[in-house]
Amino acid sequence: MTDHIENLLLEHLKRFQSGQDRMERKLDELTRRVSNLEAGLASVIQHLGYLAAADAQQQLAADGFNLRLERIERRLELA
């Protein structure tokens, strides 16, 4: 009778260990996926920074064109 109980306990322990192994593999996979998402997000944030810098440069150029146009209008007495 005790052998039967011991075998039954061993079978349950093996199932628990198998389930735990599956959960650990899944956790490792999810950890890798989150790391990949974080790296991708960092890349997007960096790209947004580059776009903001480019936008600022274009705005500066447009302001310069506006100043030149105003100066030309004043010289030609168009304003």
C-alpha atoms as a PDB file:
ATOM      1  CA  MET A   1       0.000   0.000   0.000  1.00  0.00           C
ATOM      2  CA  THR A   2       2.788   2.439   0.858  1.00  0.00           C
ATOM      3  CA  ASP A   3       4.532   1.625  -2.441  1.00  0.00           C
ATOM      4  CA  HIS A   4       1.348   2.535  -4.272  1.00  0.00           C
ATOM      5  CA  ILE A   5       1.096   5.848  -2.371  1.00  0.00           C
ATOM      6  CA  GLU A   6       4.776   6.594  -3.014  1.00  0.00           C
ATOM      7  CA  ASN A   7       4.362   5.886  -6.734  1.00  0.00           C
ATOM      8  CA  LEU A   8       1.259   8.064  -6.817  1.00  0.00           C
ATOM      9  CA  LEU A   9       3.135  10.901  -5.091  1.00  0.00           C
ATOM     10  CA  LEU A  10       6.062  10.532  -7.481  1.00  0.00           C
ATOM     11  CA  GLU A  11       3.701  10.717 -10.454  1.00  0.00           C
ATOM     12  CA  HIS A  12       2.126  13.884  -9.069  1.00  0.00           C
ATOM     13  CA  LEU A  13       5.531  15.403  -8.406  1.00  0.00           C
ATOM     14  CA  LYS A  14       6.622  14.580 -11.974  1.00  0.00           C
ATOM     15  CA  ARG A  15       3.491  16.284 -13.328  1.00  0.00           C
ATOM     16  CA  PHE A  16       4.112  19.339 -11.164  1.00  0.00           C
ATOM     17  CA  GLN A  17       7.723  19.492 -12.324  1.00  0.00           C
ATOM     18  CA  SER A  18       6.644  19.136 -15.944  1.00  0.00           C
ATOM     19  CA  GLY A  19       4.138  21.954 -15.522  1.00  0.00           C
ATOM     20  CA  GLN A  20       6.744  24.112 -13.846  1.00  0.00           C
ATOM     21  CA  ASP A  21       9.177  23.449 -16.701  1.00  0.00           C
ATOM     22  CA  ARG A  22       6.536  24.562 -19.218  1.00  0.00           C
ATOM     23  CA  MET A  23       5.866  27.713 -17.220  1.00  0.00           C
ATOM     24  CA  GLU A  24       9.593  28.518 -17.010  1.00  0.00           C
ATOM     25  CA  ARG A  25       9.987  28.095 -20.790  1.00  0.00           C
ATOM     26  CA  LYS A  26       6.967  30.319 -21.392  1.00  0.00           C
ATOM     27  CA  LEU A  27       8.319  32.928 -18.965  1.00  0.00           C
ATOM     28  CA  ASP A  28      11.679  32.891 -20.774  1.00  0.00           C
ATOM     29  CA  GLU A  29       9.894  33.365 -24.102  1.00  0.00           C
ATOM     30  CA  LEU A  30       7.812  36.237 -22.739  1.00  0.00           C
ATOM     31  CA  THR A  31      10.923  37.849 -21.249  1.00  0.00           C
ATOM     32  CA  ARG A  32      12.632  37.738 -24.657  1.00  0.00           C
ATOM     33  CA  ARG A  33       9.562  39.177 -26.353  1.00  0.00           C
ATOM     34  CA  VAL A  34       9.319  42.054 -23.853  1.00  0.00           C
ATOM     35  CA  SER A  35      13.021  42.780 -24.369  1.00  0.00           C
ATOM     36  CA  ASN A  36      12.456  42.920 -28.125  1.00  0.00           C
ATOM     37  CA  LEU A  37       9.509  45.270 -27.621  1.00  0.00           C
ATOM     38  CA  GLU A  38      11.590  47.531 -25.404  1.00  0.00           C
ATOM     39  CA  ALA A  39      14.356  47.662 -27.992  1.00  0.00           C
ATOM     40  CA  GLY A  40      11.827  48.467 -30.714  1.00  0.00           C
ATOM     41  CA  LEU A  41      10.262  51.193 -28.603  1.00  0.00           C
ATOM     42  CA  ALA A  42      13.675  52.729 -27.946  1.00  0.00           C
ATOM     43  CA  SER A  43      14.268  52.783 -31.696  1.00  0.00           C
ATOM     44  CA  VAL A  44      10.919  54.496 -32.310  1.00  0.00           C
ATOM     45  CA  ILE A  45      11.655  57.099 -29.635  1.00  0.00           C
ATOM     46  CA  GLN A  46      15.062  57.773 -31.178  1.00  0.00           C
ATOM     47  CA  HIS A  47      13.476  58.133 -34.625  1.00  0.00           C
ATOM     48  CA  LEU A  48      10.909  60.580 -33.225  1.00  0.00           C
ATOM     49  CA  GLY A  49      13.781  62.639 -31.844  1.00  0.00           C
ATOM     50  CA  TYR A  50      15.397  62.773 -35.284  1.00  0.00           C
ATOM     51  CA  LEU A  51      12.079  63.819 -36.830  1.00  0.00           C
ATOM     52  CA  ALA A  52      11.652  66.592 -34.252  1.00  0.00           C
ATOM     53  CA  ALA A  53      15.159  67.871 -35.014  1.00  0.00           C
ATOM     54  CA  ALA A  54      14.453  67.842 -38.749  1.00  0.00           C
ATOM     55  CA  ASP A  55      11.172  69.688 -38.167  1.00  0.00           C
ATOM     56  CA  ALA A  56      12.974  72.336 -36.121  1.00  0.00           C
ATOM     57  CA  GLN A  57      15.531  72.820 -38.918  1.00  0.00           C
ATOM     58  CA  GLN A  58      12.766  73.213 -41.506  1.00  0.00           C
ATOM     59  CA  GLN A  59      10.961  75.721 -39.320  1.00  0.00           C
ATOM     60  CA  LEU A  60      14.180  77.708 -38.927  1.00  0.00           C
ATOM     61  CA  ALA A  61      14.661  77.736 -42.709  1.00  0.00           C
ATOM     62  CA  ALA A  62      11.052  78.858 -43.247  1.00  0.00           C
ATOM     63  CA  ASP A  63      11.521  81.686 -40.736  1.00  0.00           C
ATOM     64  CA  GLY A  64      14.623  82.779 -42.649  1.00  0.00           C
ATOM     65  CA  PHE A  65      12.668  82.804 -45.930  1.00  0.00           C
ATOM     66  CA  ASN A  66       9.929  84.880 -44.327  1.00  0.00           C
ATOM     67  CA  LEU A  67      12.470  87.436 -43.127  1.00  0.00           C
ATOM     68  CA  ARG A  68      14.038  87.653 -46.577  1.00  0.00           C
ATOM     69  CA  LEU A  69      10.619  88.027 -48.232  1.00  0.00           C
ATOM     70  CA  GLU A  70       9.653  90.831 -45.841  1.00  0.00           C
ATOM     71  CA  ARG A  71      12.925  92.614 -46.565  1.00  0.00           C
ATOM     72  CA  ILE A  72      12.402  92.286 -50.334  1.00  0.00           C
ATOM     73  CA  GLU A  73       8.817  93.593 -50.012  1.00  0.00           C
ATOM     74  CA  ARG A  74      10.053  96.608 -48.038  1.00  0.00           C
ATOM     75  CA  ARG A  75      12.732  97.382 -50.646  1.00  0.00           C
ATOM     76  CA  LEU A  76      10.210  97.139 -53.462  1.00  0.00           C
ATOM     77  CA  GLU A  77       7.706  99.078 -51.350  1.00  0.00           C
ATOM     78  CA  LEU A  78       5.120  96.324 -51.758  1.00  0.00           C
ATOM     79  CA  ALA A  79       4.132  96.147 -48.116  1.00  0.00           C
END
